[in-house]
Amino acid sequence: MPPIQYIVEGGRRLSGTIEPSGNKNSALPIIAAALLTEHPVTLTNVPRIRDTETLVELCRSVGASAEWTERNTLQIHAKEIRAADLDPALCARIRASILLAGPLLARCGEVALPPPGGDVIGRRRLDTHFLAFEQLGATVTATHRLEFRASKLRGADVFLDEPSVTATENALVAAVARAAPPICATLPPSRMCRTSPIS
């Protein structure tokens, strides 16, 4: 089958409006961060794809209610959550399951997380997350599962040994929920750290 080709013919005035779809890599950390508050959170323009659906299931598994009220509108209410053992099969589907470590650690003081899955693209380390959490006062044990514990997180200047979008997101989420002083992290030079069309 020949590859798909797009032929663009110029010389015409363009007009009209479009609504860009939400970005998966922006939606996933926002869904996880909704576990920080006991109040309802409504997210719009969320891409309804396998990765987001899986993360929503993981949020439900720790006690949050999560319902799609419209095609791309998600309401999450984490009034009461527990640091339950997360389903290894669900965690193995997506890399983003690691994003639950920050909010669950902040709300519950501990979390046991099966190793995250997802696509294997180059070098995708987890120890950058461990380093960030340890600098915030957590203890980390990595065996057949990842265990994070902290009776109280502290504010800190956090230095990551490599640029990591998800480790930065995890560190920020964990620190914010504990009313800790602002942290400074080595932010990765990525467009994913900027705002996206998800509210």
Protein backbone atom coordinates (compact mmCIF):
# COMPACT_ATOMS: atom_id res chain seq x y z
CA MET A 1 0.00 0.00 0.00
CA PRO A 2 1.48 3.40 -0.96
CA PRO A 3 2.14 5.84 1.87
CA ILE A 4 -0.46 8.52 2.60
CA GLN A 5 0.34 11.82 0.94
CA TYR A 6 -0.98 15.25 1.81
CA ILE A 7 -1.06 17.69 -1.10
CA VAL A 8 -1.33 21.31 -0.04
CA GLU A 9 -2.24 23.86 -2.68
CA GLY A 10 -1.52 27.40 -1.64
CA GLY A 11 -2.58 30.76 -2.94
CA ARG A 12 -5.94 30.81 -1.11
CA ARG A 13 -6.99 32.77 1.94
CA LEU A 14 -7.52 30.56 4.97
CA SER A 15 -10.32 31.18 7.44
CA GLY A 16 -12.30 29.27 10.03
CA THR A 17 -11.82 27.87 13.50
CA ILE A 18 -10.72 24.53 14.89
CA GLU A 19 -10.62 23.05 18.37
CA PRO A 20 -7.33 21.21 18.85
CA SER A 21 -7.61 17.89 20.62
CA GLY A 22 -6.06 17.49 24.05
CA ASN A 23 -2.52 16.18 24.30
CA LYS A 24 -2.07 12.76 25.93
CA ASN A 25 1.20 13.67 27.63
CA SER A 26 -0.44 16.74 29.16
CA ALA A 27 -3.64 14.95 30.13
CA LEU A 28 -2.00 12.09 32.02
CA PRO A 29 -0.21 14.15 34.72
CA ILE A 30 -3.29 16.35 35.12
CA ILE A 31 -5.50 13.29 35.71
CA ALA A 32 -3.03 12.01 38.30
CA ALA A 33 -2.82 15.43 39.98
CA ALA A 34 -6.61 15.43 40.44
CA LEU A 35 -6.02 12.96 43.28
CA LEU A 36 -4.40 15.74 45.31
CA THR A 37 -7.68 17.34 46.35
CA GLU A 38 -10.77 16.03 48.09
CA HIS A 39 -12.90 18.34 45.95
CA PRO A 40 -14.39 17.40 42.56
CA VAL A 41 -12.24 18.19 39.53
CA THR A 42 -13.63 18.53 36.01
CA LEU A 43 -11.26 18.22 33.06
CA THR A 44 -12.31 19.07 29.53
CA ASN A 45 -10.80 18.23 26.14
CA VAL A 46 -9.23 15.06 27.51
CA PRO A 47 -8.26 12.59 24.76
CA ARG A 48 -10.21 9.40 25.37
CA ILE A 49 -7.62 6.83 24.42
CA ARG A 50 -6.23 3.66 25.96
CA ASP A 51 -3.62 5.39 28.11
CA THR A 52 -6.04 7.86 29.67
CA GLU A 53 -8.70 5.17 30.15
CA THR A 54 -6.15 2.98 31.93
CA LEU A 55 -5.04 5.79 34.24
CA VAL A 56 -8.69 6.53 35.04
CA GLU A 57 -9.15 2.87 36.03
CA LEU A 58 -6.11 3.13 38.30
CA CYS A 59 -7.57 6.25 39.92
CA ARG A 60 -10.78 4.34 40.61
CA SER A 61 -8.81 1.47 42.12
CA VAL A 62 -7.51 3.73 44.92
CA GLY A 63 -11.00 4.96 45.82
CA ALA A 64 -11.57 7.97 43.58
CA SER A 65 -14.70 8.25 41.51
CA ALA A 66 -14.00 9.04 37.88
CA GLU A 67 -16.70 9.42 35.25
CA TRP A 68 -16.76 10.57 31.65
CA THR A 69 -19.65 13.03 31.67
CA GLU A 70 -19.20 13.84 27.98
CA ARG A 71 -17.08 12.45 25.17
CA ASN A 72 -13.94 14.29 26.30
CA THR A 73 -15.00 15.60 29.71
CA LEU A 74 -13.81 13.77 32.80
CA GLN A 75 -14.91 14.36 36.37
CA ILE A 76 -12.72 13.02 39.18
CA HIS A 77 -13.61 13.15 42.86
CA ALA A 78 -10.93 11.84 45.21
CA LYS A 79 -12.76 12.60 48.46
CA GLU A 80 -11.25 9.57 50.12
CA ILE A 81 -8.38 7.59 48.65
CA ARG A 82 -6.27 4.77 49.98
CA ALA A 83 -2.74 3.63 49.26
CA ALA A 84 -4.00 0.33 47.89
CA ASP A 85 -1.80 -2.06 45.99
CA LEU A 86 -2.33 -1.01 42.41
CA ASP A 87 -3.25 -3.59 39.79
CA PRO A 88 0.01 -4.83 38.20
CA ALA A 89 -1.77 -5.59 34.91
CA LEU A 90 -3.07 -2.04 34.62
CA CYS A 91 0.27 -0.52 35.63
CA ALA A 92 2.03 -2.66 33.04
CA ARG A 93 -0.07 -1.13 30.27
CA ILE A 94 1.22 2.40 30.65
CA ARG A 95 4.37 4.24 31.61
CA ALA A 96 2.23 6.96 33.20
CA SER A 97 1.27 4.79 36.18
CA ILE A 98 4.43 6.19 37.83
CA LEU A 99 2.63 9.57 37.94
CA LEU A 100 0.39 8.22 40.73
CA ALA A 101 3.37 8.04 43.09
CA GLY A 102 3.44 11.80 43.77
CA PRO A 103 -0.23 12.41 44.65
CA LEU A 104 -0.65 9.14 46.58
CA LEU A 105 2.53 9.76 48.58
CA ALA A 106 1.33 13.27 49.38
CA ARG A 107 -2.22 12.27 50.37
CA CYS A 108 -1.58 8.90 52.03
CA GLY A 109 2.06 9.06 53.13
CA GLU A 110 2.87 5.85 51.30
CA VAL A 111 2.28 3.99 48.06
CA ALA A 112 3.24 0.59 46.68
CA LEU A 113 3.45 0.71 42.92
CA PRO A 114 4.10 -2.16 40.52
CA PRO A 115 6.73 -1.34 37.91
CA PRO A 116 5.24 0.80 35.15
CA GLY A 117 5.00 -0.54 31.63
CA GLY A 118 4.40 1.21 28.34
CA ASP A 119 6.56 1.51 25.28
CA VAL A 120 10.28 0.99 25.59
CA ILE A 121 11.77 4.02 23.89
CA GLY A 122 15.46 4.46 24.52
CA ARG A 123 16.65 4.87 28.10
CA ARG A 124 13.66 5.43 30.41
CA ARG A 125 15.01 5.49 33.93
CA LEU A 126 12.99 5.50 37.14
CA ASP A 127 15.78 6.43 39.52
CA THR A 128 15.31 10.10 38.62
CA HIS A 129 11.90 9.84 40.32
CA PHE A 130 13.50 8.11 43.31
CA LEU A 131 16.10 10.87 43.62
CA ALA A 132 13.42 13.59 43.56
CA PHE A 133 11.27 11.90 46.21
CA GLU A 134 14.28 11.25 48.46
CA GLN A 135 15.25 14.90 48.33
CA LEU A 136 11.70 15.73 49.45
CA GLY A 137 12.09 13.45 52.48
CA ALA A 138 10.64 10.15 51.25
CA THR A 139 12.19 6.72 51.53
CA VAL A 140 12.22 4.55 48.43
CA THR A 141 12.46 0.77 48.22
CA ALA A 142 12.66 -0.86 44.81
CA THR A 143 12.20 -4.64 44.69
CA HIS A 144 9.47 -6.44 42.76
CA ARG A 145 7.46 -3.28 43.36
CA LEU A 146 8.23 0.35 44.12
CA GLU A 147 7.49 1.47 47.68
CA PHE A 148 7.48 5.13 48.66
CA ARG A 149 6.96 6.32 52.25
CA ALA A 150 7.05 9.70 53.94
CA SER A 151 5.50 10.66 57.26
CA LYS A 152 5.98 14.26 56.20
CA LEU A 153 7.42 15.63 52.99
CA ARG A 154 9.65 18.66 53.21
CA GLY A 155 10.43 21.50 50.87
CA ALA A 156 13.77 21.33 49.14
CA ASP A 157 15.80 22.54 46.21
CA VAL A 158 15.58 19.45 44.03
CA PHE A 159 18.30 18.75 41.50
CA LEU A 160 17.59 15.99 39.00
CA ASP A 161 20.58 14.25 37.50
CA GLU A 162 18.92 14.20 34.08
CA PRO A 163 16.08 16.14 32.44
CA SER A 164 12.88 14.18 33.05
CA VAL A 165 9.37 15.46 32.37
CA THR A 166 7.56 12.89 34.50
CA ALA A 167 10.03 13.07 37.40
CA THR A 168 9.59 16.85 37.44
CA GLU A 169 5.81 16.45 37.43
CA ASN A 170 5.97 13.91 40.26
CA ALA A 171 8.21 16.13 42.38
CA LEU A 172 6.03 19.21 41.88
CA VAL A 173 2.80 17.35 42.66
CA ALA A 174 4.22 15.77 45.81
CA ALA A 175 5.62 19.07 47.10
CA VAL A 176 2.52 21.14 46.38
CA ALA A 177 0.17 18.90 48.33
CA ARG A 178 2.24 19.02 51.50
CA ALA A 179 2.25 22.82 51.70
CA ALA A 180 6.01 22.69 51.42
CA PRO A 181 8.12 25.69 50.37
CA PRO A 182 8.64 26.01 46.62
CA ILE A 183 11.11 23.65 45.06
CA CYS A 184 13.54 24.19 42.25
CA ALA A 185 14.09 21.38 39.78
CA THR A 186 16.12 21.04 36.62
CA LEU A 187 13.22 21.36 34.23
CA PRO A 188 13.51 19.42 30.99
CA PRO A 189 13.60 21.52 27.82
CA SER A 190 10.30 20.12 26.60
CA ARG A 191 7.16 21.67 25.22
CA MET A 192 5.21 19.27 27.44
CA CYS A 193 6.03 21.45 30.44
CA ARG A 194 4.04 24.29 28.89
CA THR A 195 0.33 24.81 28.91
CA SER A 196 -1.94 22.63 26.79
CA PRO A 197 -5.56 22.83 25.62
CA ILE A 198 -6.86 20.85 28.60
CA SER A 199 -8.65 22.60 31.45
